Amino acid sequence: MTAETLHDDATGAPSAPTARRFDVGCTVEVSHRFESLHAHVELDGDIPIHPGDEVLVHGQPISPPYGEVVRERRVATVVRAGPLERLWTRMTGDLEFMELLEFSFTERRTL
C-alpha cells in the first residue's frame, strides 16, 4: 500500500490520512457485454469492507463500448464507518434492500 495525497471533498485541499480515511490502489473492471453488465472493484491488500464503510474510486467514469470489458488501475479512498453508523447500517440494511425491488402485476392486454 502506498501513501497517497487525500483531498477534502468540500475544498479540494489535501488532507492527511487517518485511521478512518485512507487511500489504497485498486483494480476496476467494467463489462458491457450481452452476457454480463457489471462493474467490480478489487482493493489491493485484501482490505475488509464492513457495513457502513464507503469506498470512493477516483478518476473519470469508465464507459466501455458494447461487447467489451475494460480493466483499469485506480486509486480509491476508503472511509471507515463509526460504531453508530455501523450499527445503523446493520439494523436498516434489510429494509433498504427491499426498496430496490419493484413488482408489477398489471396485465398488458387491451379491451
PDB file of N, CA and C in Angstrom:
ATOM      1  N   MET A   1       0.843  -1.159   0.000  1.00  0.00           N
ATOM      2  CA  MET A   1       0.000   0.000   0.000  1.00  0.00           C
ATOM      3  C   MET A   1       0.894   1.230   0.000  1.00  0.00           C
ATOM      4  N   THR A   2       0.591   2.173  -0.871  1.00  0.00           N
ATOM      5  CA  THR A   2       1.390   3.383  -0.945  1.00  0.00           C
ATOM      6  C   THR A   2       0.621   4.540  -0.333  1.00  0.00           C
ATOM      7  N   ALA A   3       1.343   5.494   0.184  1.00  0.00           N
ATOM      8  CA  ALA A   3       0.705   6.686   0.745  1.00  0.00           C
ATOM      9  C   ALA A   3       0.329   7.611  -0.397  1.00  0.00           C
ATOM     10  N   GLU A   4      -0.906   8.009  -0.441  1.00  0.00           N
ATOM     11  CA  GLU A   4      -1.403   8.907  -1.476  1.00  0.00           C
ATOM     12  C   GLU A   4      -1.879  10.189  -0.799  1.00  0.00           C
ATOM     13  N   THR A   5      -1.961  11.273  -1.565  1.00  0.00           N
ATOM     14  CA  THR A   5      -2.484  12.523  -1.037  1.00  0.00           C
ATOM     15  C   THR A   5      -3.997  12.487  -1.096  1.00  0.00           C
ATOM     16  N   LEU A   6      -4.636  12.775   0.023  1.00  0.00           N
ATOM     17  CA  LEU A   6      -6.087  12.850   0.074  1.00  0.00           C
ATOM     18  C   LEU A   6      -6.513  14.288  -0.117  1.00  0.00           C
ATOM     19  N   HIS A   7      -7.713  14.472  -0.681  1.00  0.00           N
ATOM     20  CA  HIS A   7      -8.251  15.809  -0.888  1.00  0.00           C
ATOM     21  C   HIS A   7      -9.585  15.911  -0.184  1.00  0.00           C
ATOM     22  N   ASP A   8      -9.777  16.987   0.560  1.00  0.00           N
ATOM     23  CA  ASP A   8     -11.042  17.244   1.221  1.00  0.00           C
ATOM     24  C   ASP A   8     -12.086  17.479   0.140  1.00  0.00           C
ATOM     25  N   ASP A   9     -13.231  16.771   0.211  1.00  0.00           N
ATOM     26  CA  ASP A   9     -14.258  16.868  -0.818  1.00  0.00           C
ATOM     27  C   ASP A   9     -14.806  18.279  -0.976  1.00  0.00           C
ATOM     28  N   ALA A  10     -14.914  19.029   0.123  1.00  0.00           N
ATOM     29  CA  ALA A  10     -15.519  20.351   0.065  1.00  0.00           C
ATOM     30  C   ALA A  10     -14.575  21.387  -0.528  1.00  0.00           C
ATOM     31  N   THR A  11     -13.304  21.372  -0.155  1.00  0.00           N
ATOM     32  CA  THR A  11     -12.400  22.433  -0.567  1.00  0.00           C
ATOM     33  C   THR A  11     -11.381  22.000  -1.600  1.00  0.00           C
ATOM     34  N   GLY A  12     -11.159  20.706  -1.749  1.00  0.00           N
ATOM     35  CA  GLY A  12     -10.128  20.220  -2.661  1.00  0.00           C
ATOM     36  C   GLY A  12      -8.743  20.297  -2.064  1.00  0.00           C
ATOM     37  N   ALA A  13      -8.637  20.797  -0.818  1.00  0.00           N
ATOM     38  CA  ALA A  13      -7.334  20.909  -0.161  1.00  0.00           C
ATOM     39  C   ALA A  13      -6.867  19.541   0.307  1.00  0.00           C
ATOM     40  N   PRO A  14      -5.570  19.272   0.235  1.00  0.00           N
ATOM     41  CA  PRO A  14      -5.072  17.971   0.703  1.00  0.00           C
ATOM     42  C   PRO A  14      -5.348  17.779   2.189  1.00  0.00           C
ATOM     43  N   SER A  15      -5.669  16.541   2.549  1.00  0.00           N
ATOM     44  CA  SER A  15      -5.853  16.191   3.955  1.00  0.00           C
ATOM     45  C   SER A  15      -5.005  14.964   4.261  1.00  0.00           C
ATOM     46  N   ALA A  16      -4.592  14.833   5.507  1.00  0.00           N
ATOM     47  CA  ALA A  16      -3.710  13.730   5.891  1.00  0.00           C
ATOM     48  C   ALA A  16      -4.511  12.446   6.083  1.00  0.00           C
ATOM     49  N   PRO A  17      -3.915  11.286   5.747  1.00  0.00           N
ATOM     50  CA  PRO A  17      -4.595  10.014   6.006  1.00  0.00           C
ATOM     51  C   PRO A  17      -4.833   9.843   7.503  1.00  0.00           C
ATOM     52  N   THR A  18      -5.968   9.236   7.847  1.00  0.00           N
ATOM     53  CA  THR A  18      -6.294   8.945   9.239  1.00  0.00           C
ATOM     54  C   THR A  18      -6.670   7.477   9.339  1.00  0.00           C
ATOM     55  N   ALA A  19      -6.942   7.020  10.556  1.00  0.00           N
ATOM     56  CA  ALA A  19      -7.354   5.636  10.749  1.00  0.00           C
ATOM     57  C   ALA A  19      -8.717   5.385  10.116  1.00  0.00           C
ATOM     58  N   ARG A  20      -9.540   6.429   9.996  1.00  0.00           N
ATOM     59  CA  ARG A  20     -10.871   6.266   9.410  1.00  0.00           C
ATOM     60  C   ARG A  20     -10.892   6.545   7.919  1.00  0.00           C
ATOM     61  N   ARG A  21      -9.885   7.207   7.365  1.00  0.00           N
ATOM     62  CA  ARG A  21      -9.896   7.607   5.952  1.00  0.00           C
ATOM     63  C   ARG A  21      -8.501   7.406   5.376  1.00  0.00           C
ATOM     64  N   PHE A  22      -8.402   6.601   4.311  1.00  0.00           N
ATOM     65  CA  PHE A  22      -7.102   6.349   3.696  1.00  0.00           C
ATOM     66  C   PHE A  22      -7.274   5.972   2.232  1.00  0.00           C
ATOM     67  N   ASP A  23      -6.214   6.151   1.462  1.00  0.00           N
ATOM     68  CA  ASP A  23      -6.211   5.796   0.045  1.00  0.00           C
ATOM     69  C   ASP A  23      -5.559   4.441  -0.144  1.00  0.00           C
ATOM     70  N   VAL A  24      -6.010   3.726  -1.163  1.00  0.00           N
ATOM     71  CA  VAL A  24      -5.457   2.417  -1.492  1.00  0.00           C
ATOM     72  C   VAL A  24      -5.598   2.206  -3.003  1.00  0.00           C
ATOM     73  N   GLY A  25      -4.664   1.471  -3.594  1.00  0.00           N
ATOM     74  CA  GLY A  25      -4.763   1.137  -5.006  1.00  0.00           C
ATOM     75  C   GLY A  25      -5.873   0.117  -5.220  1.00  0.00           C
ATOM     76  N   CYS A  26      -6.428   0.106  -6.433  1.00  0.00           N
ATOM     77  CA  CYS A  26      -7.485  -0.859  -6.737  1.00  0.00           C
ATOM     78  C   CYS A  26      -7.513  -1.153  -8.231  1.00  0.00           C
ATOM     79  N   THR A  27      -8.185  -2.238  -8.571  1.00  0.00           N
ATOM     80  CA  THR A  27      -8.428  -2.603  -9.960  1.00  0.00           C
ATOM     81  C   THR A  27      -9.923  -2.509 -10.198  1.00  0.00           C
ATOM     82  N   VAL A  28     -10.310  -1.790 -11.250  1.00  0.00           N
ATOM     83  CA  VAL A  28     -11.718  -1.631 -11.605  1.00  0.00           C
ATOM     84  C   VAL A  28     -11.964  -2.395 -12.892  1.00  0.00           C
ATOM     85  N   GLU A  29     -13.010  -3.225 -12.906  1.00  0.00           N
ATOM     86  CA  GLU A  29     -13.395  -3.944 -14.117  1.00  0.00           C
ATOM     87  C   GLU A  29     -14.834  -3.571 -14.454  1.00  0.00           C
ATOM     88  N   VAL A  30     -15.038  -3.084 -15.677  1.00  0.00           N
ATOM     89  CA  VAL A  30     -16.369  -2.714 -16.149  1.00  0.00           C
ATOM     90  C   VAL A  30     -16.652  -3.523 -17.404  1.00  0.00           C
ATOM     91  N   SER A  31     -17.769  -4.255 -17.393  1.00  0.00           N
ATOM     92  CA  SER A  31     -18.159  -5.091 -18.529  1.00  0.00           C
ATOM     93  C   SER A  31     -19.441  -4.552 -19.140  1.00  0.00           C
ATOM     94  N   HIS A  32     -19.473  -4.484 -20.465  1.00  0.00           N
ATOM     95  CA  HIS A  32     -20.655  -4.037 -21.210  1.00  0.00           C
ATOM     96  C   HIS A  32     -20.905  -5.038 -22.329  1.00  0.00           C
ATOM     97  N   ARG A  33     -21.170  -6.272 -21.923  1.00  0.00           N
ATOM     98  CA  ARG A  33     -21.412  -7.348 -22.883  1.00  0.00           C
ATOM     99  C   ARG A  33     -22.829  -7.880 -22.710  1.00  0.00           C
ATOM    100  N   PHE A  34     -23.292  -8.631 -23.717  1.00  0.00           N
ATOM    101  CA  PHE A  34     -24.611  -9.248 -23.641  1.00  0.00           C
ATOM    102  C   PHE A  34     -24.674 -10.204 -22.454  1.00  0.00           C
ATOM    103  N   GLU A  35     -23.596 -10.953 -22.222  1.00  0.00           N
ATOM    104  CA  GLU A  35     -23.568 -11.959 -21.167  1.00  0.00           C
ATOM    105  C   GLU A  35     -23.478 -11.347 -19.773  1.00  0.00           C
ATOM    106  N   SER A  36     -22.895 -10.158 -19.668  1.00  0.00           N
ATOM    107  CA  SER A  36     -22.675  -9.576 -18.351  1.00  0.00           C
ATOM    108  C   SER A  36     -22.544  -8.062 -18.439  1.00  0.00           C
ATOM    109  N   LEU A  37     -23.330  -7.379 -17.610  1.00  0.00           N
ATOM    110  CA  LEU A  37     -23.230  -5.922 -17.462  1.00  0.00           C
ATOM    111  C   LEU A  37     -22.907  -5.680 -15.998  1.00  0.00           C
ATOM    112  N   HIS A  38     -21.633  -5.365 -15.697  1.00  0.00           N
ATOM    113  CA  HIS A  38     -21.231  -5.219 -14.301  1.00  0.00           C
ATOM    114  C   HIS A  38     -20.053  -4.274 -14.155  1.00  0.00           C
ATOM    115  N   ALA A  39     -19.842  -3.858 -12.899  1.00  0.00           N
ATOM    116  CA  ALA A  39     -18.659  -3.090 -12.516  1.00  0.00           C
ATOM    117  C   ALA A  39     -18.186  -3.641 -11.178  1.00  0.00           C
ATOM    118  N   HIS A  40     -16.922  -4.038 -11.099  1.00  0.00           N
ATOM    119  CA  HIS A  40     -16.349  -4.595  -9.874  1.00  0.00           C
ATOM    120  C   HIS A  40     -15.100  -3.818  -9.491  1.00  0.00           C
ATOM    121  N   VAL A  41     -14.878  -3.664  -8.190  1.00  0.00           N
ATOM    122  CA  VAL A  41     -13.682  -3.015  -7.661  1.00  0.00           C
ATOM    123  C   VAL A  41     -13.002  -3.991  -6.717  1.00  0.00           C
ATOM    124  N   GLU A  42     -11.710  -4.238  -6.947  1.00  0.00           N
ATOM    125  CA  GLU A  42     -10.913  -5.083  -6.056  1.00  0.00           C
ATOM    126  C   GLU A  42      -9.838  -4.204  -5.414  1.00  0.00           C
ATOM    127  N   LEU A  43      -9.898  -4.063  -4.101  1.00  0.00           N
ATOM    128  CA  LEU A  43      -8.907  -3.262  -3.383  1.00  0.00           C
ATOM    129  C   LEU A  43      -7.626  -4.061  -3.204  1.00  0.00           C
ATOM    130  N   ASP A  44      -6.478  -3.397  -3.307  1.00  0.00           N
ATOM    131  CA  ASP A  44      -5.193  -4.042  -3.076  1.00  0.00           C
ATOM    132  C   ASP A  44      -5.062  -4.407  -1.599  1.00  0.00           C
ATOM    133  N   GLY A  45      -4.446  -5.536  -1.321  1.00  0.00           N
ATOM    134  CA  GLY A  45      -4.128  -5.902   0.054  1.00  0.00           C
ATOM    135  C   GLY A  45      -5.252  -6.553   0.824  1.00  0.00           C
ATOM    136  N   ASP A  46      -6.293  -7.023   0.169  1.00  0.00           N
ATOM    137  CA  ASP A  46      -7.398  -7.706   0.855  1.00  0.00           C
ATOM    138  C   ASP A  46      -7.919  -6.907   2.045  1.00  0.00           C
ATOM    139  N   ILE A  47      -8.212  -5.650   1.840  1.00  0.00           N
ATOM    140  CA  ILE A  47      -8.739  -4.782   2.903  1.00  0.00           C
ATOM    141  C   ILE A  47     -10.214  -5.112   3.114  1.00  0.00           C
ATOM    142  N   PRO A  48     -10.604  -5.468   4.343  1.00  0.00           N
ATOM    143  CA  PRO A  48     -12.014  -5.794   4.578  1.00  0.00           C
ATOM    144  C   PRO A  48     -12.886  -4.536   4.559  1.00  0.00           C
ATOM    145  N   ILE A  49     -14.056  -4.649   3.967  1.00  0.00           N
ATOM    146  CA  ILE A  49     -15.038  -3.576   3.951  1.00  0.00           C
ATOM    147  C   ILE A  49     -16.215  -4.045   4.804  1.00  0.00           C
ATOM    148  N   HIS A  50     -16.580  -3.237   5.793  1.00  0.00           N
ATOM    149  CA  HIS A  50     -17.627  -3.593   6.740  1.00  0.00           C
ATOM    150  C   HIS A  50     -18.884  -2.771   6.463  1.00  0.00           C
ATOM    151  N   PRO A  51     -20.034  -3.172   7.023  1.00  0.00           N
ATOM    152  CA  PRO A  51     -21.265  -2.396   6.838  1.00  0.00           C
ATOM    153  C   PRO A  51     -21.062  -0.936   7.236  1.00  0.00           C
ATOM    154  N   GLY A  52     -21.503  -0.038   6.368  1.00  0.00           N
ATOM    155  CA  GLY A  52     -21.391   1.394   6.625  1.00  0.00           C
ATOM    156  C   GLY A  52     -20.136   2.039   6.072  1.00  0.00           C
ATOM    157  N   ASP A  53     -19.106   1.249   5.744  1.00  0.00           N
ATOM    158  CA  ASP A  53     -17.890   1.814   5.160  1.00  0.00           C
ATOM    159  C   ASP A  53     -18.188   2.342   3.753  1.00  0.00           C
ATOM    160  N   GLU A  54     -17.432   3.331   3.330  1.00  0.00           N
ATOM    161  CA  GLU A  54     -17.587   3.904   1.995  1.00  0.00           C
ATOM    162  C   GLU A  54     -16.299   3.717   1.215  1.00  0.00           C
ATOM    163  N   VAL A  55     -16.446   3.455  -0.098  1.00  0.00           N
ATOM    164  CA  VAL A  55     -15.298   3.344  -0.999  1.00  0.00           C
ATOM    165  C   VAL A  55     -15.568   4.266  -2.180  1.00  0.00           C
ATOM    166  N   LEU A  56     -14.677   5.246  -2.386  1.00  0.00           N
ATOM    167  CA  LEU A  56     -14.798   6.196  -3.492  1.00  0.00           C
ATOM    168  C   LEU A  56     -13.641   5.959  -4.450  1.00  0.00           C
ATOM    169  N   VAL A  57     -13.954   5.545  -5.688  1.00  0.00           N
ATOM    170  CA  VAL A  57     -12.928   5.303  -6.698  1.00  0.00           C
ATOM    171  C   VAL A  57     -12.706   6.605  -7.463  1.00  0.00           C
ATOM    172  N   HIS A  58     -11.452   7.045  -7.547  1.00  0.00           N
ATOM    173  CA  HIS A  58     -11.119   8.311  -8.198  1.00  0.00           C
ATOM    174  C   HIS A  58     -10.902   8.115  -9.695  1.00  0.00           C
ATOM    175  N   GLY A  59     -11.136   9.176 -10.463  1.00  0.00           N
ATOM    176  CA  GLY A  59     -10.893   9.149 -11.899  1.00  0.00           C
ATOM    177  C   GLY A  59     -12.173   9.353 -12.692  1.00  0.00           C
ATOM    178  N   GLN A  60     -12.008   9.429 -13.993  1.00  0.00           N
ATOM    179  CA  GLN A  60     -13.127   9.614 -14.901  1.00  0.00           C
ATOM    180  C   GLN A  60     -13.967   8.348 -14.977  1.00  0.00           C
ATOM    181  N   PRO A  61     -15.264   8.471 -15.282  1.00  0.00           N
ATOM    182  CA  PRO A  61     -16.098   7.279 -15.451  1.00  0.00           C
ATOM    183  C   PRO A  61     -15.560   6.382 -16.579  1.00  0.00           C
ATOM    184  N   ILE A  62     -15.725   5.086 -16.406  1.00  0.00           N
ATOM    185  CA  ILE A  62     -15.289   4.119 -17.411  1.00  0.00           C
ATOM    186  C   ILE A  62     -16.524   3.676 -18.187  1.00  0.00           C
ATOM    187  N   SER A  63     -16.531   3.895 -19.501  1.00  0.00           N
ATOM    188  CA  SER A  63     -17.670   3.536 -20.344  1.00  0.00           C
ATOM    189  C   SER A  63     -17.191   2.715 -21.531  1.00  0.00           C
ATOM    190  N   PRO A  64     -17.053   1.399 -21.356  1.00  0.00           N
ATOM    191  CA  PRO A  64     -16.592   0.588 -22.479  1.00  0.00           C
ATOM    192  C   PRO A  64     -17.658   0.491 -23.568  1.00  0.00           C
ATOM    193  N   PRO A  65     -17.239   0.377 -24.828  1.00  0.00           N
ATOM    194  CA  PRO A  65     -18.207   0.167 -25.903  1.00  0.00           C
ATOM    195  C   PRO A  65     -18.879  -1.196 -25.740  1.00  0.00           C
ATOM    196  N   TYR A  66     -20.051  -1.355 -26.349  1.00  0.00           N
ATOM    197  CA  TYR A  66     -20.781  -2.616 -26.249  1.00  0.00           C
ATOM    198  C   TYR A  66     -19.903  -3.776 -26.719  1.00  0.00           C
ATOM    199  N   GLY A  67     -19.932  -4.847 -25.940  1.00  0.00           N
ATOM    200  CA  GLY A  67     -19.181  -6.049 -26.288  1.00  0.00           C
ATOM    201  C   GLY A  67     -17.797  -6.114 -25.678  1.00  0.00           C
ATOM    202  N   GLU A  68     -17.402  -5.104 -24.905  1.00  0.00           N
ATOM    203  CA  GLU A  68     -16.046  -5.073 -24.366  1.00  0.00           C
ATOM    204  C   GLU A  68     -16.032  -5.056 -22.838  1.00  0.00           C
ATOM    205  N   VAL A  69     -14.879  -5.454 -22.284  1.00  0.00           N
ATOM    206  CA  VAL A  69     -14.614  -5.400 -20.855  1.00  0.00           C
ATOM    207  C   VAL A  69     -13.350  -4.569 -20.664  1.00  0.00           C
ATOM    208  N   VAL A  70     -13.393  -3.595 -19.765  1.00  0.00           N
ATOM    209  CA  VAL A  70     -12.244  -2.722 -19.508  1.00  0.00           C
ATOM    210  C   VAL A  70     -11.783  -2.929 -18.067  1.00  0.00           C
ATOM    211  N   ARG A  71     -10.471  -3.128 -17.885  1.00  0.00           N
ATOM    212  CA  ARG A  71      -9.854  -3.229 -16.553  1.00  0.00           C
ATOM    213  C   ARG A  71      -8.843  -2.101 -16.435  1.00  0.00           C
ATOM    214  N   GLU A  72      -8.950  -1.319 -15.354  1.00  0.00           N
ATOM    215  CA  GLU A  72      -8.039  -0.191 -15.128  1.00  0.00           C
ATOM    216  C   GLU A  72      -7.561  -0.172 -13.689  1.00  0.00           C
ATOM    217  N   ARG A  73      -6.357   0.339 -13.495  1.00  0.00           N
ATOM    218  CA  ARG A  73      -5.817   0.581 -12.157  1.00  0.00           C
ATOM    219  C   ARG A  73      -6.239   1.982 -11.738  1.00  0.00           C
ATOM    220  N   ARG A  74      -6.726   2.105 -10.507  1.00  0.00           N
ATOM    221  CA  ARG A  74      -7.162   3.384  -9.968  1.00  0.00           C
ATOM    222  C   ARG A  74      -6.743   3.503  -8.513  1.00  0.00           C
ATOM    223  N   VAL A  75      -7.018   4.651  -7.931  1.00  0.00           N
ATOM    224  CA  VAL A  75      -6.849   4.887  -6.500  1.00  0.00           C
ATOM    225  C   VAL A  75      -8.243   5.040  -5.911  1.00  0.00           C
ATOM    226  N   ALA A  76      -8.484   4.418  -4.757  1.00  0.00           N
ATOM    227  CA  ALA A  76      -9.765   4.531  -4.065  1.00  0.00           C
ATOM    228  C   ALA A  76      -9.531   5.056  -2.660  1.00  0.00           C
ATOM    229  N   THR A  77     -10.472   5.852  -2.163  1.00  0.00           N
ATOM    230  CA  THR A  77     -10.438   6.321  -0.785  1.00  0.00           C
ATOM    231  C   THR A  77     -11.439   5.499   0.014  1.00  0.00           C
ATOM    232  N   VAL A  78     -10.975   4.889   1.091  1.00  0.00           N
ATOM    233  CA  VAL A  78     -11.831   4.108   1.985  1.00  0.00           C
ATOM    234  C   VAL A  78     -12.102   4.957   3.219  1.00  0.00           C
ATOM    235  N   VAL A  79     -13.376   5.113   3.562  1.00  0.00           N
ATOM    236  CA  VAL A  79     -13.779   5.843   4.758  1.00  0.00           C
ATOM    237  C   VAL A  79     -14.498   4.849   5.661  1.00  0.00           C
ATOM    238  N   ARG A  80     -13.921   4.595   6.829  1.00  0.00           N
ATOM    239  CA  ARG A  80     -14.484   3.644   7.778  1.00  0.00           C
ATOM    240  C   ARG A  80     -15.676   4.254   8.515  1.00  0.00           C
ATOM    241  N   ALA A  81     -16.724   3.467   8.701  1.00  0.00           N
ATOM    242  CA  ALA A  81     -17.889   3.893   9.463  1.00  0.00           C
ATOM    243  C   ALA A  81     -17.549   3.863  10.951  1.00  0.00           C
ATOM    244  N   GLY A  82     -18.148   4.771  11.695  1.00  0.00           N
ATOM    245  CA  GLY A  82     -18.005   4.753  13.143  1.00  0.00           C
ATOM    246  C   GLY A  82     -18.927   3.696  13.735  1.00  0.00           C
ATOM    247  N   PRO A  83     -18.828   3.450  15.025  1.00  0.00           N
ATOM    248  CA  PRO A  83     -19.651   2.412  15.654  1.00  0.00           C
ATOM    249  C   PRO A  83     -21.159   2.619  15.480  1.00  0.00           C
ATOM    250  N   LEU A  84     -21.642   3.861  15.601  1.00  0.00           N
ATOM    251  CA  LEU A  84     -23.073   4.114  15.429  1.00  0.00           C
ATOM    252  C   LEU A  84     -23.510   3.934  13.981  1.00  0.00           C
ATOM    253  N   GLU A  85     -22.690   4.416  13.035  1.00  0.00           N
ATOM    254  CA  GLU A  85     -23.006   4.227  11.618  1.00  0.00           C
ATOM    255  C   GLU A  85     -23.073   2.747  11.267  1.00  0.00           C
ATOM    256  N   ARG A  86     -22.135   1.971  11.790  1.00  0.00           N
ATOM    257  CA  ARG A  86     -22.086   0.530  11.510  1.00  0.00           C
ATOM    258  C   ARG A  86     -23.333  -0.165  12.061  1.00  0.00           C
ATOM    259  N   LEU A  87     -23.724   0.181  13.290  1.00  0.00           N
ATOM    260  CA  LEU A  87     -24.913  -0.407  13.895  1.00  0.00           C
ATOM    261  C   LEU A  87     -26.165  -0.033  13.111  1.00  0.00           C
ATOM    262  N   TRP A  88     -26.293   1.248  12.748  1.00  0.00           N
ATOM    263  CA  TRP A  88     -27.453   1.720  11.991  1.00  0.00           C
ATOM    264  C   TRP A  88     -27.536   1.009  10.644  1.00  0.00           C
ATOM    265  N   THR A  89     -26.424   0.832   9.975  1.00  0.00           N
ATOM    266  CA  THR A  89     -26.416   0.157   8.681  1.00  0.00           C
ATOM    267  C   THR A  89     -26.858  -1.289   8.816  1.00  0.00           C
ATOM    268  N   ARG A  90     -26.398  -1.964   9.841  1.00  0.00           N
ATOM    269  CA  ARG A  90     -26.822  -3.356  10.066  1.00  0.00           C
ATOM    270  C   ARG A  90     -28.319  -3.436  10.356  1.00  0.00           C
ATOM    271  N   MET A  91     -28.838  -2.475  11.126  1.00  0.00           N
ATOM    272  CA  MET A  91     -30.248  -2.514  11.502  1.00  0.00           C
ATOM    273  C   MET A  91     -31.174  -2.179  10.332  1.00  0.00           C
ATOM    274  N   THR A  92     -30.781  -1.273   9.466  1.00  0.00           N
ATOM    275  CA  THR A  92     -31.662  -0.814   8.392  1.00  0.00           C
ATOM    276  C   THR A  92     -31.337  -1.404   7.025  1.00  0.00           C
ATOM    277  N   GLY A  93     -30.282  -2.172   6.917  1.00  0.00           N
ATOM    278  CA  GLY A  93     -29.858  -2.695   5.624  1.00  0.00           C
ATOM    279  C   GLY A  93     -30.907  -3.521   4.918  1.00  0.00           C
ATOM    280  N   ASP A  94     -31.606  -4.399   5.643  1.00  0.00           N
ATOM    281  CA  ASP A  94     -32.626  -5.235   5.017  1.00  0.00           C
ATOM    282  C   ASP A  94     -33.783  -4.410   4.498  1.00  0.00           C
ATOM    283  N   LEU A  95     -34.175  -3.380   5.230  1.00  0.00           N
ATOM    284  CA  LEU A  95     -35.284  -2.533   4.795  1.00  0.00           C
ATOM    285  C   LEU A  95     -34.932  -1.785   3.520  1.00  0.00           C
ATOM    286  N   GLU A  96     -33.715  -1.253   3.435  1.00  0.00           N
ATOM    287  CA  GLU A  96     -33.301  -0.516   2.248  1.00  0.00           C
ATOM    288  C   GLU A  96     -33.173  -1.439   1.048  1.00  0.00           C
ATOM    289  N   PHE A  97     -32.787  -2.688   1.270  1.00  0.00           N
ATOM    290  CA  PHE A  97     -32.696  -3.645   0.172  1.00  0.00           C
ATOM    291  C   PHE A  97     -34.058  -3.838  -0.479  1.00  0.00           C
ATOM    292  N   MET A  98     -35.117  -3.849   0.313  1.00  0.00           N
ATOM    293  CA  MET A  98     -36.462  -4.051  -0.228  1.00  0.00           C
ATOM    294  C   MET A  98     -36.873  -2.910  -1.153  1.00  0.00           C
ATOM    295  N   GLU A  99     -36.300  -1.719  -0.958  1.00  0.00           N
ATOM    296  CA  GLU A  99     -36.610  -0.595  -1.839  1.00  0.00           C
ATOM    297  C   GLU A  99     -36.105  -0.833  -3.259  1.00  0.00           C
ATOM    298  N   LEU A 100     -35.113  -1.694  -3.426  1.00  0.00           N
ATOM    299  CA  LEU A 100     -34.570  -1.975  -4.748  1.00  0.00           C
ATOM    300  C   LEU A 100     -35.486  -2.863  -5.572  1.00  0.00           C
ATOM    301  N   LEU A 101     -36.371  -3.579  -4.911  1.00  0.00           N
ATOM    302  CA  LEU A 101     -37.268  -4.489  -5.606  1.00  0.00           C
ATOM    303  C   LEU A 101     -38.489  -3.745  -6.106  1.00  0.00           C
ATOM    304  N   GLU A 102     -38.901  -4.076  -7.308  1.00  0.00           N
ATOM    305  CA  GLU A 102     -40.098  -3.466  -7.862  1.00  0.00           C
ATOM    306  C   GLU A 102     -40.942  -4.572  -8.469  1.00  0.00           C
ATOM    307  N   PHE A 103     -42.203  -4.627  -8.069  1.00  0.00           N
ATOM    308  CA  PHE A 103     -43.109  -5.639  -8.573  1.00  0.00           C
ATOM    309  C   PHE A 103     -44.224  -4.966  -9.335  1.00  0.00           C
ATOM    310  N   SER A 104     -44.660  -5.610 -10.407  1.00  0.00           N
ATOM    311  CA  SER A 104     -45.772  -5.078 -11.175  1.00  0.00           C
ATOM    312  C   SER A 104     -46.685  -6.239 -11.536  1.00  0.00           C
ATOM    313  N   PHE A 105     -47.981  -6.067 -11.268  1.00  0.00           N
ATOM    314  CA  PHE A 105     -48.945  -7.121 -11.561  1.00  0.00           C
ATOM    315  C   PHE A 105     -49.991  -6.636 -12.555  1.00  0.00           C
ATOM    316  N   THR A 106     -49.652  -5.689 -13.391  1.00  0.00           N
ATOM    317  CA  THR A 106     -50.598  -5.194 -14.377  1.00  0.00           C
ATOM    318  C   THR A 106     -50.616  -6.105 -15.600  1.00  0.00           C
ATOM    319  N   GLU A 107     -51.796  -6.240 -16.199  1.00  0.00           N
ATOM    320  CA  GLU A 107     -51.925  -7.029 -17.411  1.00  0.00           C
ATOM    321  C   GLU A 107     -51.665  -6.132 -18.608  1.00  0.00           C
ATOM    322  N   ARG A 108     -51.095  -6.706 -19.640  1.00  0.00           N
ATOM    323  CA  ARG A 108     -50.751  -5.932 -20.835  1.00  0.00           C
ATOM    324  C   ARG A 108     -51.837  -6.020 -21.915  1.00  0.00           C
ATOM    325  N   ARG A 109     -52.969  -6.666 -21.646  1.00  0.00           N
ATOM    326  CA  ARG A 109     -53.979  -6.782 -22.689  1.00  0.00           C
ATOM    327  C   ARG A 109     -54.814  -5.519 -22.766  1.00  0.00           C
ATOM    328  N   THR A 110     -55.329  -5.274 -23.936  1.00  0.00           N
ATOM    329  CA  THR A 110     -56.221  -4.137 -24.156  1.00  0.00           C
ATOM    330  C   THR A 110     -57.612  -4.662 -24.415  1.00  0.00           C
ATOM    331  N   LEU A 111     -58.631  -3.911 -24.021  1.00  0.00           N
ATOM    332  CA  LEU A 111     -60.020  -4.306 -24.217  1.00  0.00           C
ATOM    333  C   LEU A 111     -60.591  -3.705 -25.459  1.00  0.00           C
TER     334      LEU A 111
END
